[in-house]
PDB file of N, CA and C in Angstrom:
ATOM      1  N   UNK A   1      70.702 129.548  96.017  1.00  0.00           N
ATOM      2  CA  UNK A   1      71.273 127.746  96.383  1.00  0.00           C
ATOM      3  C   UNK A   1      69.625 127.463  95.422  1.00  0.00           C
ATOM      4  N   UNK A   2      70.431 126.632  94.728  1.00  0.00           N
ATOM      5  CA  UNK A   2      69.465 126.178  93.714  1.00  0.00           C
ATOM      6  C   UNK A   2      69.912 124.678  93.712  1.00  0.00           C
ATOM      7  N   UNK A   3      68.069 123.709  94.171  1.00  0.00           N
ATOM      8  CA  UNK A   3      68.716 122.214  93.050  1.00  0.00           C
ATOM      9  C   UNK A   3      68.624 121.926  91.920  1.00  0.00           C
ATOM     10  N   UNK A   4      69.718 121.967  91.496  1.00  0.00           N
ATOM     11  CA  UNK A   4      69.642 120.916  89.726  1.00  0.00           C
ATOM     12  C   UNK A   4      68.759 120.258  89.418  1.00  0.00           C
ATOM     13  N   UNK A   5      68.486 119.811  88.877  1.00  0.00           N
ATOM     14  CA  UNK A   5      67.268 118.257  88.140  1.00  0.00           C
ATOM     15  C   UNK A   5      68.708 118.027  87.444  1.00  0.00           C
ATOM     16  N   UNK A   6      69.309 116.843  87.959  1.00  0.00           N
ATOM     17  CA  UNK A   6      70.447 115.795  86.678  1.00  0.00           C
ATOM     18  C   UNK A   6      68.813 115.004  85.681  1.00  0.00           C
ATOM     19  N   UNK A   7      69.433 115.449  84.029  1.00  0.00           N
ATOM     20  CA  UNK A   7      68.676 114.876  83.793  1.00  0.00           C
ATOM     21  C   UNK A   7      70.243 113.951  82.497  1.00  0.00           C
ATOM     22  N   UNK A   8      68.916 112.584  82.130  1.00  0.00           N
ATOM     23  CA  UNK A   8      70.179 111.269  81.783  1.00  0.00           C
ATOM     24  C   UNK A   8      70.018 112.464  80.149  1.00  0.00           C
ATOM     25  N   UNK A   9      71.444 112.373  79.479  1.00  0.00           N
ATOM     26  CA  UNK A   9      71.813 112.109  78.194  1.00  0.00           C
ATOM     27  C   UNK A   9      71.902 111.046  77.287  1.00  0.00           C
ATOM     28  N   UNK A  10      72.192 109.817  78.193  1.00  0.00           N
ATOM     29  CA  UNK A  10      72.385 108.953  76.471  1.00  0.00           C
ATOM     30  C   UNK A  10      72.087 107.863  77.755  1.00  0.00           C
ATOM     31  N   UNK A  11      71.265 106.446  77.121  1.00  0.00           N
ATOM     32  CA  UNK A  11      71.012 105.423  78.059  1.00  0.00           C
ATOM     33  C   UNK A  11      70.418 104.364  77.356  1.00  0.00           C
ATOM     34  N   UNK A  12      71.756 103.402  77.621  1.00  0.00           N
ATOM     35  CA  UNK A  12      71.810 101.763  76.545  1.00  0.00           C
ATOM     36  C   UNK A  12      72.276 100.915  77.237  1.00  0.00           C
ATOM     37  N   UNK A  13      72.136  99.584  76.925  1.00  0.00           N
ATOM     38  CA  UNK A  13      72.566  98.375  77.805  1.00  0.00           C
ATOM     39  C   UNK A  13      73.754  98.617  79.030  1.00  0.00           C
ATOM     40  N   UNK A  14      74.655  98.968  78.391  1.00  0.00           N
ATOM     41  CA  UNK A  14      75.954  99.602  79.189  1.00  0.00           C
ATOM     42  C   UNK A  14      75.720 100.360  80.143  1.00  0.00           C
ATOM     43  N   UNK A  15      74.511 101.564  80.613  1.00  0.00           N
ATOM     44  CA  UNK A  15      74.594 102.100  81.322  1.00  0.00           C
ATOM     45  C   UNK A  15      73.960 103.373  81.046  1.00  0.00           C
ATOM     46  N   UNK A  16      74.095 104.524  81.502  1.00  0.00           N
ATOM     47  CA  UNK A  16      73.927 105.828  81.193  1.00  0.00           C
ATOM     48  C   UNK A  16      75.251 107.004  81.732  1.00  0.00           C
ATOM     49  N   UNK A  17      74.593 107.773  80.728  1.00  0.00           N
ATOM     50  CA  UNK A  17      75.574 109.762  80.593  1.00  0.00           C
ATOM     51  C   UNK A  17      74.932 110.677  80.692  1.00  0.00           C
ATOM     52  N   UNK A  18      75.231 111.300  81.906  1.00  0.00           N
ATOM     53  CA  UNK A  18      73.980 112.406  82.307  1.00  0.00           C
ATOM     54  C   UNK A  18      75.007 113.076  82.546  1.00  0.00           C
ATOM     55  N   UNK A  19      75.175 114.319  81.943  1.00  0.00           N
ATOM     56  CA  UNK A  19      76.204 116.228  81.674  1.00  0.00           C
ATOM     57  C   UNK A  19      75.602 116.748  83.400  1.00  0.00           C
ATOM     58  N   UNK A  20      76.430 117.056  83.842  1.00  0.00           N
ATOM     59  CA  UNK A  20      75.555 117.653  85.107  1.00  0.00           C
ATOM     60  C   UNK A  20      76.167 118.376  85.329  1.00  0.00           C
ATOM     61  N   UNK A  21      77.749 119.539  84.225  1.00  0.00           N
ATOM     62  CA  UNK A  21      77.852 120.343  84.486  1.00  0.00           C
ATOM     63  C   UNK A  21      78.360 121.597  82.914  1.00  0.00           C
ATOM     64  N   UNK A  22      77.870 121.926  82.081  1.00  0.00           N
ATOM     65  CA  UNK A  22      78.115 122.334  81.111  1.00  0.00           C
ATOM     66  C   UNK A  22      78.619 123.460  80.602  1.00  0.00           C
ATOM     67  N   UNK A  23      79.375 124.105  80.021  1.00  0.00           N
ATOM     68  CA  UNK A  23      79.500 125.624  79.695  1.00  0.00           C
ATOM     69  C   UNK A  23      79.498 126.292  80.876  1.00  0.00           C
ATOM     70  N   UNK A  24      80.536 125.701  82.044  1.00  0.00           N
ATOM     71  CA  UNK A  24      80.899 126.726  83.615  1.00  0.00           C
ATOM     72  C   UNK A  24      82.444 126.708  83.711  1.00  0.00           C
ATOM     73  N   UNK A  25      82.747 127.766  84.372  1.00  0.00           N
ATOM     74  CA  UNK A  25      84.009 127.870  84.460  1.00  0.00           C
ATOM     75  C   UNK A  25      84.630 127.516  85.562  1.00  0.00           C
ATOM     76  N   UNK A  26      84.475 126.709  85.903  1.00  0.00           N
ATOM     77  CA  UNK A  26      85.357 126.048  86.961  1.00  0.00           C
ATOM     78  C   UNK A  26      86.859 126.037  87.961  1.00  0.00           C
ATOM     79  N   UNK A  27      86.210 126.382  89.305  1.00  0.00           N
ATOM     80  CA  UNK A  27      87.143 126.779  90.115  1.00  0.00           C
ATOM     81  C   UNK A  27      88.409 125.836  90.318  1.00  0.00           C
ATOM     82  N   UNK A  28      87.178 124.511  91.405  1.00  0.00           N
ATOM     83  CA  UNK A  28      88.042 123.345  92.050  1.00  0.00           C
ATOM     84  C   UNK A  28      86.726 122.863  91.605  1.00  0.00           C
ATOM     85  N   UNK A  29      86.821 120.814  91.433  1.00  0.00           N
ATOM     86  CA  UNK A  29      86.411 119.885  91.697  1.00  0.00           C
ATOM     87  C   UNK A  29      87.189 119.076  93.498  1.00  0.00           C
ATOM     88  N   UNK A  30      86.034 118.940  94.416  1.00  0.00           N
ATOM     89  CA  UNK A  30      86.790 118.620  95.856  1.00  0.00           C
ATOM     90  C   UNK A  30      85.822 117.702  95.923  1.00  0.00           C
ATOM     91  N   UNK A  31      86.511 116.708  96.386  1.00  0.00           N
ATOM     92  CA  UNK A  31      86.086 115.432  97.030  1.00  0.00           C
ATOM     93  C   UNK A  31      85.685 115.486  98.729  1.00  0.00           C
ATOM     94  N   UNK A  32      84.632 115.617  98.729  1.00  0.00           N
ATOM     95  CA  UNK A  32      83.879 115.474 100.444  1.00  0.00           C
ATOM     96  C   UNK A  32      83.530 113.988 101.004  1.00  0.00           C
ATOM     97  N   UNK A  33      83.693 113.522 102.332  1.00  0.00           N
ATOM     98  CA  UNK A  33      83.290 112.917 103.253  1.00  0.00           C
ATOM     99  C   UNK A  33      82.730 113.581 104.289  1.00  0.00           C
ATOM    100  N   UNK A  34      82.046 113.256 105.064  1.00  0.00           N
ATOM    101  CA  UNK A  34      81.214 113.664 105.794  1.00  0.00           C
ATOM    102  C   UNK A  34      80.726 112.357 106.973  1.00  0.00           C
ATOM    103  N   UNK A  35      81.036 112.586 107.873  1.00  0.00           N
ATOM    104  CA  UNK A  35      80.559 111.570 108.934  1.00  0.00           C
ATOM    105  C   UNK A  35      78.936 112.217 109.603  1.00  0.00           C
ATOM    106  N   UNK A  36      78.302 111.294 109.692  1.00  0.00           N
ATOM    107  CA  UNK A  36      76.844 111.133 110.265  1.00  0.00           C
ATOM    108  C   UNK A  36      76.562 112.198 111.845  1.00  0.00           C
ATOM    109  N   UNK A  37      75.716 113.861 111.406  1.00  0.00           N
ATOM    110  CA  UNK A  37      75.760 114.297 112.833  1.00  0.00           C
ATOM    111  C   UNK A  37      76.988 115.791 112.818  1.00  0.00           C
ATOM    112  N   UNK A  38      77.897 115.502 111.798  1.00  0.00           N
ATOM    113  CA  UNK A  38      78.918 115.956 112.008  1.00  0.00           C
ATOM    114  C   UNK A  38      78.331 117.833 110.382  1.00  0.00           C
ATOM    115  N   UNK A  39      78.872 118.828 110.454  1.00  0.00           N
ATOM    116  CA  UNK A  39      78.695 120.145 110.569  1.00  0.00           C
ATOM    117  C   UNK A  39      79.968 120.103 109.501  1.00  0.00           C
ATOM    118  N   UNK A  40      79.636 121.086 107.870  1.00  0.00           N
ATOM    119  CA  UNK A  40      80.813 121.460 107.203  1.00  0.00           C
ATOM    120  C   UNK A  40      80.733 122.611 106.822  1.00  0.00           C
ATOM    121  N   UNK A  41      81.227 123.098 106.181  1.00  0.00           N
ATOM    122  CA  UNK A  41      81.082 124.796 105.375  1.00  0.00           C
ATOM    123  C   UNK A  41      81.002 126.095 106.560  1.00  0.00           C
ATOM    124  N   UNK A  42      80.192 126.666 106.775  1.00  0.00           N
ATOM    125  CA  UNK A  42      79.114 127.447 107.699  1.00  0.00           C
ATOM    126  C   UNK A  42      80.441 128.944 107.820  1.00  0.00           C
ATOM    127  N   UNK A  43      80.431 129.104 105.907  1.00  0.00           N
ATOM    128  CA  UNK A  43      81.452 129.854 105.842  1.00  0.00           C
ATOM    129  C   UNK A  43      80.874 130.445 104.008  1.00  0.00           C
ATOM    130  N   UNK A  44      81.808 131.716 103.291  1.00  0.00           N
ATOM    131  CA  UNK A  44      80.720 131.495 102.147  1.00  0.00           C
ATOM    132  C   UNK A  44      82.168 132.348 101.808  1.00  0.00           C
ATOM    133  N   UNK A  45      82.039 132.289  99.794  1.00  0.00           N
ATOM    134  CA  UNK A  45      83.299 131.981  98.829  1.00  0.00           C
ATOM    135  C   UNK A  45      83.084 134.059  98.346  1.00  0.00           C
ATOM    136  N   UNK A  46      83.842 134.564  98.203  1.00  0.00           N
ATOM    137  CA  UNK A  46      83.693 135.711  98.168  1.00  0.00           C
ATOM    138  C   UNK A  46      83.488 135.501  96.166  1.00  0.00           C
ATOM    139  N   UNK A  47      84.410 134.609  95.977  1.00  0.00           N
ATOM    140  CA  UNK A  47      84.681 135.017  94.470  1.00  0.00           C
ATOM    141  C   UNK A  47      84.421 133.328  93.329  1.00  0.00           C
ATOM    142  N   UNK A  48      83.956 131.835  94.408  1.00  0.00           N
ATOM    143  CA  UNK A  48      83.607 130.984  93.496  1.00  0.00           C
ATOM    144  C   UNK A  48      82.577 130.330  93.404  1.00  0.00           C
ATOM    145  N   UNK A  49      81.807 129.748  92.825  1.00  0.00           N
ATOM    146  CA  UNK A  49      80.654 129.003  93.298  1.00  0.00           C
ATOM    147  C   UNK A  49      81.287 127.593  93.420  1.00  0.00           C
ATOM    148  N   UNK A  50      79.865 127.095  94.666  1.00  0.00           N
ATOM    149  CA  UNK A  50      80.286 125.713  95.037  1.00  0.00           C
ATOM    150  C   UNK A  50      78.830 124.926  94.704  1.00  0.00           C
ATOM    151  N   UNK A  51      79.482 123.847  94.020  1.00  0.00           N
ATOM    152  CA  UNK A  51      78.696 122.768  92.880  1.00  0.00           C
ATOM    153  C   UNK A  51      78.653 121.571  94.087  1.00  0.00           C
ATOM    154  N   UNK A  52      77.750 121.203  94.831  1.00  0.00           N
ATOM    155  CA  UNK A  52      77.784 120.116  95.643  1.00  0.00           C
ATOM    156  C   UNK A  52      76.992 118.890  94.634  1.00  0.00           C
ATOM    157  N   UNK A  53      76.932 117.400  94.842  1.00  0.00           N
ATOM    158  CA  UNK A  53      77.029 116.628  94.232  1.00  0.00           C
ATOM    159  C   UNK A  53      77.042 115.334  94.993  1.00  0.00           C
ATOM    160  N   UNK A  54      75.653 114.684  95.162  1.00  0.00           N
ATOM    161  CA  UNK A  54      75.346 113.980  96.892  1.00  0.00           C
ATOM    162  C   UNK A  54      75.828 112.603  95.992  1.00  0.00           C
ATOM    163  N   UNK A  55      77.242 111.594  96.460  1.00  0.00           N
ATOM    164  CA  UNK A  55      76.962 109.732  95.628  1.00  0.00           C
ATOM    165  C   UNK A  55      76.501 109.268  96.190  1.00  0.00           C
ATOM    166  N   UNK A  56      75.969 109.736  97.905  1.00  0.00           N
ATOM    167  CA  UNK A  56      75.920 108.957  98.593  1.00  0.00           C
ATOM    168  C   UNK A  56      75.670 109.682 100.077  1.00  0.00           C
ATOM    169  N   UNK A  57      74.336 108.913 100.959  1.00  0.00           N
ATOM    170  CA  UNK A  57      74.464 109.479 102.045  1.00  0.00           C
ATOM    171  C   UNK A  57      72.819 110.571 102.120  1.00  0.00           C
ATOM    172  N   UNK A  58      73.129 111.122 102.943  1.00  0.00           N
ATOM    173  CA  UNK A  58      71.918 112.479 103.482  1.00  0.00           C
ATOM    174  C   UNK A  58      72.269 113.871 103.802  1.00  0.00           C
ATOM    175  N   UNK A  59      71.971 114.318 103.893  1.00  0.00           N
ATOM    176  CA  UNK A  59      72.473 115.824 104.229  1.00  0.00           C
ATOM    177  C   UNK A  59      71.713 116.750 104.027  1.00  0.00           C
ATOM    178  N   UNK A  60      71.873 117.972 105.136  1.00  0.00           N
ATOM    179  CA  UNK A  60      70.643 119.359 105.033  1.00  0.00           C
ATOM    180  C   UNK A  60      71.800 119.948 105.158  1.00  0.00           C
ATOM    181  N   UNK A  61      71.055 121.462 103.675  1.00  0.00           N
ATOM    182  CA  UNK A  61      72.193 122.401 103.141  1.00  0.00           C
ATOM    183  C   UNK A  61      71.609 123.320 103.217  1.00  0.00           C
ATOM    184  N   UNK A  62      72.195 124.035 104.286  1.00  0.00           N
ATOM    185  CA  UNK A  62      71.226 125.843 104.852  1.00  0.00           C
ATOM    186  C   UNK A  62      72.260 126.514 103.736  1.00  0.00           C
ATOM    187  N   UNK A  63      71.561 127.562 103.787  1.00  0.00           N
ATOM    188  CA  UNK A  63      72.179 128.931 103.092  1.00  0.00           C
ATOM    189  C   UNK A  63      71.601 129.832 102.768  1.00  0.00           C
ATOM    190  N   UNK A  64      72.602 130.955 102.973  1.00  0.00           N
ATOM    191  CA  UNK A  64      71.910 132.446 103.451  1.00  0.00           C
ATOM    192  C   UNK A  64      72.353 133.476 102.554  1.00  0.00           C
ATOM    193  N   UNK A  65      71.510 134.612 102.217  1.00  0.00           N
ATOM    194  CA  UNK A  65      72.079 135.383 100.598  1.00  0.00           C
ATOM    195  C   UNK A  65      72.053 136.454 101.663  1.00  0.00           C
ATOM    196  N   UNK A  66      72.659 137.296 101.905  1.00  0.00           N
ATOM    197  CA  UNK A  66      72.735 138.708 102.309  1.00  0.00           C
ATOM    198  C   UNK A  66      71.595 139.731 102.066  1.00  0.00           C
ATOM    199  N   UNK A  67      70.587 139.909 103.089  1.00  0.00           N
ATOM    200  CA  UNK A  67      68.956 140.348 103.595  1.00  0.00           C
ATOM    201  C   UNK A  67      68.271 139.327 103.209  1.00  0.00           C
ATOM    202  N   UNK A  68      68.110 138.024 103.436  1.00  0.00           N
ATOM    203  CA  UNK A  68      67.648 137.682 102.871  1.00  0.00           C
ATOM    204  C   UNK A  68      67.447 136.013 103.663  1.00  0.00           C
ATOM    205  N   UNK A  69      66.236 135.145 103.621  1.00  0.00           N
ATOM    206  CA  UNK A  69      66.217 134.558 105.177  1.00  0.00           C
ATOM    207  C   UNK A  69      67.156 133.248 104.597  1.00  0.00           C
ATOM    208  N   UNK A  70      67.636 132.105 105.936  1.00  0.00           N
ATOM    209  CA  UNK A  70      67.614 131.478 106.170  1.00  0.00           C
ATOM    210  C   UNK A  70      67.249 130.290 105.627  1.00  0.00           C
ATOM    211  N   UNK A  71      67.940 129.667 104.695  1.00  0.00           N
ATOM    212  CA  UNK A  71      67.385 128.157 103.487  1.00  0.00           C
ATOM    213  C   UNK A  71      66.925 127.186 103.491  1.00  0.00           C
ATOM    214  N   UNK A  72      66.904 125.729 103.179  1.00  0.00           N
ATOM    215  CA  UNK A  72      67.551 124.454 103.893  1.00  0.00           C
ATOM    216  C   UNK A  72      66.865 124.031 103.024  1.00  0.00           C
ATOM    217  N   UNK A  73      67.302 122.976 102.517  1.00  0.00           N
ATOM    218  CA  UNK A  73      67.045 121.634 101.900  1.00  0.00           C
ATOM    219  C   UNK A  73      67.593 120.669 101.944  1.00  0.00           C
ATOM    220  N   UNK A  74      67.234 119.269 101.352  1.00  0.00           N
ATOM    221  CA  UNK A  74      67.738 117.925 101.993  1.00  0.00           C
ATOM    222  C   UNK A  74      68.281 117.427 100.360  1.00  0.00           C
ATOM    223  N   UNK A  75      69.404 117.146 100.987  1.00  0.00           N
ATOM    224  CA  UNK A  75      70.341 116.237  99.633  1.00  0.00           C
ATOM    225  C   UNK A  75      69.762 115.094  99.484  1.00  0.00           C
ATOM    226  N   UNK A  76      70.216 113.855  99.143  1.00  0.00           N
ATOM    227  CA  UNK A  76      70.557 112.517  99.217  1.00  0.00           C
ATOM    228  C   UNK A  76      70.861 112.278  97.902  1.00  0.00           C
ATOM    229  N   UNK A  77      71.841 111.275  97.887  1.00  0.00           N
ATOM    230  CA  UNK A  77      71.926 109.873  96.537  1.00  0.00           C
ATOM    231  C   UNK A  77      71.508 110.852  95.460  1.00  0.00           C
ATOM    232  N   UNK A  78      72.277 110.991  94.436  1.00  0.00           N
ATOM    233  CA  UNK A  78      72.523 111.929  92.948  1.00  0.00           C
ATOM    234  C   UNK A  78      71.691 112.946  92.647  1.00  0.00           C
ATOM    235  N   UNK A  79      71.564 113.726  94.041  1.00  0.00           N
ATOM    236  CA  UNK A  79      71.015 115.368  93.945  1.00  0.00           C
ATOM    237  C   UNK A  79      72.551 116.061  94.102  1.00  0.00           C
ATOM    238  N   UNK A  80      71.436 117.374  93.634  1.00  0.00           N
ATOM    239  CA  UNK A  80      72.975 118.711  93.025  1.00  0.00           C
ATOM    240  C   UNK A  80      71.996 119.604  93.186  1.00  0.00           C
ATOM    241  N   UNK A  81      73.169 120.348  93.732  1.00  0.00           N
ATOM    242  CA  UNK A  81      72.745 121.602  94.178  1.00  0.00           C
ATOM    243  C   UNK A  81      74.098 122.706  94.063  1.00  0.00           C
ATOM    244  N   UNK A  82      73.684 123.642  93.987  1.00  0.00           N
ATOM    245  CA  UNK A  82      74.442 125.302  93.078  1.00  0.00           C
ATOM    246  C   UNK A  82      74.356 126.034  94.924  1.00  0.00           C
ATOM    247  N   UNK A  83      75.855 126.887  94.965  1.00  0.00           N
ATOM    248  CA  UNK A  83      75.567 127.388  95.843  1.00  0.00           C
ATOM    249  C   UNK A  83      76.393 128.862  95.732  1.00  0.00           C
ATOM    250  N   UNK A  84      75.642 130.432  95.023  1.00  0.00           N
ATOM    251  CA  UNK A  84      76.494 130.961  94.596  1.00  0.00           C
ATOM    252  C   UNK A  84      77.661 132.126  95.069  1.00  0.00           C
ATOM    253  N   UNK A  85      77.920 132.833  94.963  1.00  0.00           N
ATOM    254  CA  UNK A  85      79.295 133.885  95.451  1.00  0.00           C
ATOM    255  C   UNK A  85      78.580 134.463  96.588  1.00  0.00           C
ATOM    256  N   UNK A  86      79.049 134.622  97.540  1.00  0.00           N
ATOM    257  CA  UNK A  86      78.878 135.557  99.074  1.00  0.00           C
ATOM    258  C   UNK A  86      77.293 135.100  99.644  1.00  0.00           C
ATOM    259  N   UNK A  87      77.240 133.229  99.069  1.00  0.00           N
ATOM    260  CA  UNK A  87      75.668 133.005 100.085  1.00  0.00           C
ATOM    261  C   UNK A  87      77.049 132.018 100.694  1.00  0.00           C
ATOM    262  N   UNK A  88      76.245 132.569 102.244  1.00  0.00           N
ATOM    263  CA  UNK A  88      76.672 131.526 103.310  1.00  0.00           C
ATOM    264  C   UNK A  88      76.463 130.362 103.603  1.00  0.00           C
ATOM    265  N   UNK A  89      77.282 128.776 103.554  1.00  0.00           N
ATOM    266  CA  UNK A  89      76.266 127.870 103.515  1.00  0.00           C
ATOM    267  C   UNK A  89      76.625 126.917 104.735  1.00  0.00           C
ATOM    268  N   UNK A  90      76.111 125.754 105.365  1.00  0.00           N
ATOM    269  CA  UNK A  90      76.807 124.621 105.596  1.00  0.00           C
ATOM    270  C   UNK A  90      75.953 123.428 105.571  1.00  0.00           C
ATOM    271  N   UNK A  91      76.576 122.505 105.942  1.00  0.00           N
ATOM    272  CA  UNK A  91      76.029 121.079 105.075  1.00  0.00           C
ATOM    273  C   UNK A  91      76.069 120.529 106.242  1.00  0.00           C
ATOM    274  N   UNK A  92      75.182 119.818 106.583  1.00  0.00           N
ATOM    275  CA  UNK A  92      75.362 118.512 108.145  1.00  0.00           C
ATOM    276  C   UNK A  92      74.930 117.452 107.672  1.00  0.00           C
ATOM    277  N   UNK A  93      75.392 116.500 108.000  1.00  0.00           N
ATOM    278  CA  UNK A  93      75.192 114.829 107.741  1.00  0.00           C
ATOM    279  C   UNK A  93      73.880 114.949 108.326  1.00  0.00           C
ATOM    280  N   UNK A  94      72.777 113.946 107.521  1.00  0.00           N
ATOM    281  CA  UNK A  94      72.155 113.221 107.955  1.00  0.00           C
ATOM    282  C   UNK A  94      72.348 111.860 108.890  1.00  0.00           C
ATOM    283  N   UNK A  95      73.444 111.667 107.399  1.00  0.00           N
ATOM    284  CA  UNK A  95      73.894 110.077 107.116  1.00  0.00           C
ATOM    285  C   UNK A  95      75.411 109.986 106.860  1.00  0.00           C
ATOM    286  N   UNK A  96      75.994 109.187 106.851  1.00  0.00           N
ATOM    287  CA  UNK A  96      76.989 108.997 106.499  1.00  0.00           C
ATOM    288  C   UNK A  96      77.185 109.806 105.079  1.00  0.00           C
ATOM    289  N   UNK A  97      78.410 110.409 104.492  1.00  0.00           N
ATOM    290  CA  UNK A  97      78.105 110.645 103.350  1.00  0.00           C
ATOM    291  C   UNK A  97      79.411 110.687 102.588  1.00  0.00           C
TER     292      UNK A  97
END
């Protein structure tokens, strides 16, 4: 798991532009909602990378790689994180997200 810092590429009176991903081979883009207290995931992907961008709410992202300790990070609106191939992950909603 890696939390990614989103940087603003351009900003003017109309708003801003931020490139979330560049030069990546994307398998799928999925929109997910999650109610407070619910848990999603609790699995891993053998061949794909999962990118997580939070539009609203607050989440706990738990991950575990083989032979490594379990890790946890908190994600809030605007946060971006990635889980790699074969990295177990589960997401708990601390707020509706």
